[in-house]
């Protein structure tokens, strides 16, 4: 979950550290929009594989199959 004080770190350094550690997927929930963005590790770097905002739904498959709606996650 992004917060104003760690937003930049969560979207850059933290994501890069998870990639270096071999984490298969990285998700970021932004409660201000609300939105969710997912990245999947491919070839040692994260590629954005999903995005949904407000009432849109997103189906992700890593680390497990799930469908989420950002509005439902920030209530």
C-alpha atoms as a PDB file:
ATOM      1  CA  UNK A   1       0.000   0.000   0.000  1.00  0.00           C
ATOM      2  CA  UNK A   2       1.463   3.328  -1.039  1.00  0.00           C
ATOM      3  CA  UNK A   3       1.725   6.109   1.479  1.00  0.00           C
ATOM      4  CA  UNK A   4       2.799   9.684   0.759  1.00  0.00           C
ATOM      5  CA  UNK A   5       5.995   9.279   2.782  1.00  0.00           C
ATOM      6  CA  UNK A   6       7.219   6.100   1.005  1.00  0.00           C
ATOM      7  CA  UNK A   7       5.604   6.415  -2.440  1.00  0.00           C
ATOM      8  CA  UNK A   8       8.827   7.052  -4.384  1.00  0.00           C
ATOM      9  CA  UNK A   9      10.730   4.268  -2.603  1.00  0.00           C
ATOM     10  CA  UNK A  10       7.905   1.760  -3.095  1.00  0.00           C
ATOM     11  CA  UNK A  11       7.788   2.435  -6.841  1.00  0.00           C
ATOM     12  CA  UNK A  12      11.555   2.340  -7.409  1.00  0.00           C
ATOM     13  CA  UNK A  13      14.048   1.056  -4.841  1.00  0.00           C
ATOM     14  CA  UNK A  14      11.744  -1.380  -3.043  1.00  0.00           C
ATOM     15  CA  UNK A  15      10.491  -2.860  -6.322  1.00  0.00           C
ATOM     16  CA  UNK A  16      14.095  -3.257  -7.536  1.00  0.00           C
ATOM     17  CA  UNK A  17      15.106  -4.988  -4.289  1.00  0.00           C
ATOM     18  CA  UNK A  18      12.245  -7.464  -4.641  1.00  0.00           C
ATOM     19  CA  UNK A  19      13.341  -8.161  -8.229  1.00  0.00           C
ATOM     20  CA  UNK A  20      16.927  -8.802  -7.096  1.00  0.00           C
ATOM     21  CA  UNK A  21      15.586 -11.229  -4.480  1.00  0.00           C
ATOM     22  CA  UNK A  22      13.685 -13.146  -7.175  1.00  0.00           C
ATOM     23  CA  UNK A  23      10.173 -12.301  -5.988  1.00  0.00           C
ATOM     24  CA  UNK A  24       7.779 -13.506  -8.717  1.00  0.00           C
ATOM     25  CA  UNK A  25       5.203 -10.714  -8.428  1.00  0.00           C
ATOM     26  CA  UNK A  26       4.961  -7.209  -6.993  1.00  0.00           C
ATOM     27  CA  UNK A  27       1.655  -5.463  -6.346  1.00  0.00           C
ATOM     28  CA  UNK A  28       1.081  -1.840  -5.372  1.00  0.00           C
ATOM     29  CA  UNK A  29      -2.214  -0.498  -4.072  1.00  0.00           C
ATOM     30  CA  UNK A  30      -2.598   3.278  -4.300  1.00  0.00           C
ATOM     31  CA  UNK A  31      -5.419   4.324  -1.958  1.00  0.00           C
ATOM     32  CA  UNK A  32      -5.440   7.891  -3.294  1.00  0.00           C
ATOM     33  CA  UNK A  33      -6.699   6.908  -6.777  1.00  0.00           C
ATOM     34  CA  UNK A  34      -7.671   4.071  -5.786  1.00  0.00           C
ATOM     35  CA  UNK A  35      -5.757   1.739  -8.086  1.00  0.00           C
ATOM     36  CA  UNK A  36      -3.748  -1.446  -8.111  1.00  0.00           C
ATOM     37  CA  UNK A  37      -0.748  -2.127 -10.333  1.00  0.00           C
ATOM     38  CA  UNK A  38       0.886  -5.530 -10.700  1.00  0.00           C
ATOM     39  CA  UNK A  39       4.317  -6.430 -12.023  1.00  0.00           C
ATOM     40  CA  UNK A  40       5.656  -9.889 -12.914  1.00  0.00           C
ATOM     41  CA  UNK A  41       9.338 -10.807 -12.789  1.00  0.00           C
ATOM     42  CA  UNK A  42      10.681 -11.688 -16.238  1.00  0.00           C
ATOM     43  CA  UNK A  43      14.358 -12.039 -17.018  1.00  0.00           C
ATOM     44  CA  UNK A  44      15.360 -10.520 -13.694  1.00  0.00           C
ATOM     45  CA  UNK A  45      13.281  -7.345 -14.022  1.00  0.00           C
ATOM     46  CA  UNK A  46       9.668  -6.510 -13.314  1.00  0.00           C
ATOM     47  CA  UNK A  47       7.304  -5.864 -16.217  1.00  0.00           C
ATOM     48  CA  UNK A  48       3.943  -4.251 -15.535  1.00  0.00           C
ATOM     49  CA  UNK A  49       1.297  -6.895 -16.169  1.00  0.00           C
ATOM     50  CA  UNK A  50      -1.845  -5.320 -14.799  1.00  0.00           C
ATOM     51  CA  UNK A  51      -3.573  -2.126 -13.765  1.00  0.00           C
ATOM     52  CA  UNK A  52      -7.067  -1.322 -12.551  1.00  0.00           C
ATOM     53  CA  UNK A  53      -8.565   1.814 -11.049  1.00  0.00           C
ATOM     54  CA  UNK A  54     -11.711   2.572  -9.059  1.00  0.00           C
ATOM     55  CA  UNK A  55     -14.495   0.091  -9.886  1.00  0.00           C
ATOM     56  CA  UNK A  56     -12.533  -1.766 -12.589  1.00  0.00           C
ATOM     57  CA  UNK A  57     -11.440  -5.287 -11.743  1.00  0.00           C
ATOM     58  CA  UNK A  58      -8.037  -6.868 -12.209  1.00  0.00           C
ATOM     59  CA  UNK A  59      -7.276 -10.568 -12.447  1.00  0.00           C
ATOM     60  CA  UNK A  60      -3.752 -11.506 -11.425  1.00  0.00           C
ATOM     61  CA  UNK A  61      -2.233 -14.979 -11.592  1.00  0.00           C
ATOM     62  CA  UNK A  62       0.904 -14.610  -9.469  1.00  0.00           C
ATOM     63  CA  UNK A  63       1.541 -15.398  -6.718  1.00  0.00           C
ATOM     64  CA  UNK A  64      -1.959 -16.944  -6.934  1.00  0.00           C
ATOM     65  CA  UNK A  65      -5.056 -16.420  -9.112  1.00  0.00           C
ATOM     66  CA  UNK A  66      -7.280 -13.667  -7.741  1.00  0.00           C
ATOM     67  CA  UNK A  67      -9.623 -10.965  -9.044  1.00  0.00           C
ATOM     68  CA  UNK A  68      -9.692  -7.672  -7.152  1.00  0.00           C
ATOM     69  CA  UNK A  69     -11.412  -4.306  -7.413  1.00  0.00           C
ATOM     70  CA  UNK A  70      -9.437  -1.337  -6.028  1.00  0.00           C
ATOM     71  CA  UNK A  71     -12.565   0.351  -4.644  1.00  0.00           C
ATOM     72  CA  UNK A  72     -13.258  -2.750  -2.538  1.00  0.00           C
ATOM     73  CA  UNK A  73      -9.737  -2.746  -1.095  1.00  0.00           C
ATOM     74  CA  UNK A  74      -9.756   0.803   0.280  1.00  0.00           C
ATOM     75  CA  UNK A  75     -13.169   0.974   1.938  1.00  0.00           C
END
